[in-house]
Amino acid sequence: MMESSNQVQNRVLSEKDWIDNWEKRKIGFHEADVHKLLIEFLDDMVNNRKQIKIFFPLCGKAVDMNWLAKMGHTIVGVDVSELGLKEFFEESNIPYVEEAVPGISGAKVFKSVSGNISLYCCNLFDLNETIVGKFDGIWDRGSMVAMNPIDRERYANAMISLMDKDCRYLLVTLEYNPKLHPGPPFYVPDAELEKLLGK
């Protein structure tokens, strides 16, 4: 039986669902190559700045992080899957250390020995400016569209709170008929993006 439009919009995936996806290797969202739109629009995000600080919400083991770190940028990511974060360092051959995160019970941060990559294992909503600072750039390749629709406004507010005054936000979304696909990725209409991020 087809889900109604309201059922689709009220669908909720838990942290455990995402962790289970990683453990069961249901990670079709992971891309083995640097995203072509990041390559195309990187200059727009960097905006003639050197060694900027870039945030990766729901980062998983995105190869984009290592690509940008090799350019001299500082990378901060967050994901609930410890497996994905450790695989990032292992598959990129980057030595790292593991530390507890003061202020977030049970959270860990995995830091490259070189110090330019820090990946937090916790709920994205537990991070704040006090813990991670503000960012010059945000690469949102699949976070907004993975977010439960009921959490979308909270998510947008969290992203805005982490943006420095000259921050550039690159966002990838998808267009499709939401009646035919329950998500994730969830459909986020342009009008809603304008309402959430227009300011």
Protein backbone atom coordinates (compact mmCIF):
# COMPACT_ATOMS: atom_id res chain seq x y z
CA MET A 1 0.00 0.00 0.00
CA MET A 2 1.33 3.45 -0.97
CA GLU A 3 2.07 5.86 1.87
CA SER A 4 0.05 9.07 1.80
CA SER A 5 1.81 12.41 1.46
CA ASN A 6 1.17 13.11 5.16
CA GLN A 7 2.66 9.76 6.19
CA VAL A 8 5.77 10.55 4.15
CA GLN A 9 6.18 13.96 5.78
CA ASN A 10 5.69 12.50 9.27
CA ARG A 11 8.16 9.65 8.79
CA VAL A 12 10.90 9.65 11.42
CA LEU A 13 14.23 7.83 11.37
CA SER A 14 16.04 7.52 14.69
CA GLU A 15 19.76 7.64 15.45
CA LYS A 16 19.57 3.87 15.87
CA ASP A 17 18.13 3.53 12.34
CA TRP A 18 21.14 5.40 10.92
CA ILE A 19 23.64 3.41 13.00
CA ASP A 20 21.93 0.19 11.87
CA ASN A 21 22.22 1.31 8.24
CA TRP A 22 25.98 1.64 8.68
CA GLU A 23 26.30 -1.71 10.43
CA LYS A 24 24.18 -3.45 7.75
CA ARG A 25 26.16 -1.59 5.05
CA LYS A 26 23.03 0.18 3.76
CA ILE A 27 25.11 3.21 2.83
CA GLY A 28 24.06 3.89 -0.75
CA PHE A 29 24.39 7.59 0.10
CA HIS A 30 28.19 7.23 0.42
CA GLU A 31 30.08 8.27 -2.70
CA ALA A 32 33.53 6.89 -3.53
CA ASP A 33 34.59 10.06 -5.38
CA VAL A 34 34.62 13.74 -4.51
CA HIS A 35 31.18 15.15 -5.31
CA LYS A 36 31.10 16.83 -8.73
CA LEU A 37 29.06 19.78 -7.42
CA LEU A 38 31.62 20.43 -4.67
CA ILE A 39 34.33 20.52 -7.33
CA GLU A 40 32.20 22.82 -9.50
CA PHE A 41 31.24 25.27 -6.74
CA LEU A 42 34.26 25.09 -4.41
CA ASP A 43 35.49 28.52 -5.49
CA ASP A 44 32.11 30.00 -4.51
CA MET A 45 32.45 28.56 -1.00
CA VAL A 46 36.13 29.40 -0.52
CA ASN A 47 35.60 32.91 -1.96
CA ASN A 48 39.31 33.73 -2.32
CA ARG A 49 40.03 32.81 1.31
CA LYS A 50 42.87 30.55 2.41
CA GLN A 51 42.68 27.69 4.89
CA ILE A 52 39.04 28.12 5.83
CA LYS A 53 37.13 26.08 8.42
CA ILE A 54 34.50 23.85 6.79
CA PHE A 55 31.65 21.97 8.50
CA PHE A 56 30.31 18.62 7.26
CA PRO A 57 26.95 17.85 8.93
CA LEU A 58 26.14 14.10 8.92
CA CYS A 59 29.54 13.51 7.32
CA GLY A 60 29.78 9.73 7.39
CA LYS A 61 33.08 8.84 5.73
CA ALA A 62 32.85 11.41 2.92
CA VAL A 63 36.01 11.45 0.82
CA ASP A 64 35.35 15.16 0.23
CA MET A 65 36.73 15.84 3.73
CA ASN A 66 40.20 14.50 2.93
CA TRP A 67 40.21 16.26 -0.46
CA LEU A 68 39.58 19.63 1.21
CA ALA A 69 41.96 18.93 4.11
CA LYS A 70 44.78 18.27 1.60
CA MET A 71 44.16 21.80 0.28
CA GLY A 72 44.91 23.17 3.75
CA HIS A 73 41.36 23.66 5.00
CA THR A 74 40.27 22.69 8.52
CA ILE A 75 37.50 20.09 8.53
CA VAL A 76 34.92 19.45 11.25
CA GLY A 77 32.27 16.78 10.78
CA VAL A 78 29.56 15.12 12.83
CA ASP A 79 27.77 11.81 12.52
CA VAL A 80 26.07 9.33 14.86
CA SER A 81 27.95 6.40 13.31
CA GLU A 82 31.28 5.71 14.95
CA LEU A 83 31.83 3.03 12.30
CA GLY A 84 31.63 5.57 9.47
CA LEU A 85 33.95 8.04 11.18
CA LYS A 86 36.61 5.41 11.92
CA GLU A 87 36.35 4.09 8.36
CA PHE A 88 37.03 7.60 7.07
CA PHE A 89 40.39 7.74 8.84
CA GLU A 90 41.30 4.13 8.07
CA GLU A 91 40.38 4.29 4.36
CA SER A 92 42.17 7.65 3.98
CA ASN A 93 45.26 6.33 5.83
CA ILE A 94 45.09 9.24 8.28
CA PRO A 95 46.41 8.59 11.81
CA TYR A 96 43.96 9.79 14.46
CA VAL A 97 43.30 9.97 18.18
CA GLU A 98 40.02 9.49 20.03
CA GLU A 99 38.88 11.80 22.85
CA ALA A 100 35.78 12.37 24.95
CA VAL A 101 33.83 15.55 24.22
CA PRO A 102 33.41 17.71 27.33
CA GLY A 103 29.80 18.78 27.71
CA ILE A 104 28.23 15.96 25.66
CA SER A 105 27.64 12.75 27.58
CA GLY A 106 28.96 9.71 25.70
CA ALA A 107 30.21 11.73 22.73
CA LYS A 108 33.61 11.17 21.14
CA VAL A 109 35.74 13.18 18.77
CA PHE A 110 38.19 11.58 16.38
CA LYS A 111 41.02 13.97 15.50
CA SER A 112 43.69 13.59 12.86
CA VAL A 113 47.18 13.62 14.36
CA SER A 114 47.91 16.58 12.04
CA GLY A 115 45.07 18.44 13.79
CA ASN A 116 43.16 19.66 10.73
CA ILE A 117 40.31 17.11 10.81
CA SER A 118 37.95 16.64 13.80
CA LEU A 119 34.98 14.30 13.47
CA TYR A 120 32.42 14.25 16.28
CA CYS A 121 30.43 11.11 17.05
CA CYS A 122 27.20 12.43 18.56
CA ASN A 123 23.82 13.85 17.68
CA LEU A 124 24.25 16.92 15.47
CA PHE A 125 21.88 18.85 17.72
CA ASP A 126 24.23 18.37 20.69
CA LEU A 127 26.96 20.40 18.97
CA ASN A 128 27.10 24.14 19.43
CA GLU A 129 29.39 27.10 18.88
CA THR A 130 31.05 26.62 22.27
CA ILE A 131 32.19 23.12 21.28
CA VAL A 132 33.05 23.54 17.58
CA GLY A 133 33.21 27.29 17.00
CA LYS A 134 31.87 28.99 13.87
CA PHE A 135 32.47 28.06 10.26
CA ASP A 136 33.59 29.79 7.07
CA GLY A 137 31.92 27.15 4.92
CA ILE A 138 29.34 24.38 5.21
CA TRP A 139 29.16 21.50 2.73
CA ASP A 140 25.70 19.97 3.06
CA ARG A 141 25.79 17.13 0.54
CA GLY A 142 23.03 15.07 2.10
CA SER A 143 22.28 16.31 5.58
CA MET A 144 19.28 18.56 4.96
CA VAL A 145 17.61 15.88 2.82
CA ALA A 146 18.38 13.15 5.39
CA MET A 147 16.90 15.19 8.23
CA ASN A 148 13.47 14.10 9.44
CA PRO A 149 10.98 16.64 8.04
CA ILE A 150 9.75 17.42 11.57
CA ASP A 151 13.34 18.40 12.51
CA ARG A 152 14.06 20.52 9.45
CA GLU A 153 13.47 23.93 11.04
CA ARG A 154 15.55 22.98 14.08
CA TYR A 155 18.28 21.77 11.72
CA ALA A 156 18.30 25.00 9.71
CA ASN A 157 18.54 27.04 12.92
CA ALA A 158 21.45 24.87 14.09
CA MET A 159 23.30 25.45 10.80
CA ILE A 160 22.67 29.21 10.93
CA SER A 161 23.98 29.34 14.52
CA LEU A 162 27.30 27.81 13.37
CA MET A 163 27.83 30.18 10.44
CA ASP A 164 30.44 32.90 10.77
CA LYS A 165 29.57 36.26 9.24
CA ASP A 166 31.21 35.45 5.87
CA CYS A 167 30.17 31.79 5.81
CA ARG A 168 29.23 30.23 2.49
CA TYR A 169 26.74 27.33 2.58
CA LEU A 170 26.70 24.80 -0.27
CA LEU A 171 23.56 22.64 -0.22
CA VAL A 172 22.63 19.71 -2.44
CA THR A 173 18.95 18.74 -2.65
CA LEU A 174 16.92 16.49 -4.95
CA GLU A 175 13.80 17.10 -7.00
CA TYR A 176 11.27 14.30 -7.24
CA ASN A 177 7.60 13.55 -6.59
CA PRO A 178 7.41 13.01 -2.81
CA LYS A 179 4.24 10.93 -3.25
CA LEU A 180 6.28 8.29 -5.08
CA HIS A 181 9.26 8.07 -2.69
CA PRO A 182 9.02 8.16 1.12
CA GLY A 183 12.62 9.25 1.70
CA PRO A 184 15.25 9.68 2.85
CA PRO A 185 16.48 11.51 0.98
CA PHE A 186 13.47 13.69 1.68
CA TYR A 187 12.12 16.22 -0.79
CA VAL A 188 12.73 19.81 0.34
CA PRO A 189 10.96 22.31 -1.95
CA ASP A 190 12.79 25.52 -2.88
CA ALA A 191 10.11 27.61 -1.17
CA GLU A 192 10.79 25.80 2.10
CA LEU A 193 14.55 26.28 1.73
CA GLU A 194 13.96 30.00 1.22
CA LYS A 195 11.85 30.10 4.36
CA LEU A 196 14.40 28.13 6.39
CA LEU A 197 17.64 29.65 5.11
CA GLY A 198 16.64 32.84 3.31
CA LYS A 199 17.94 35.08 6.04
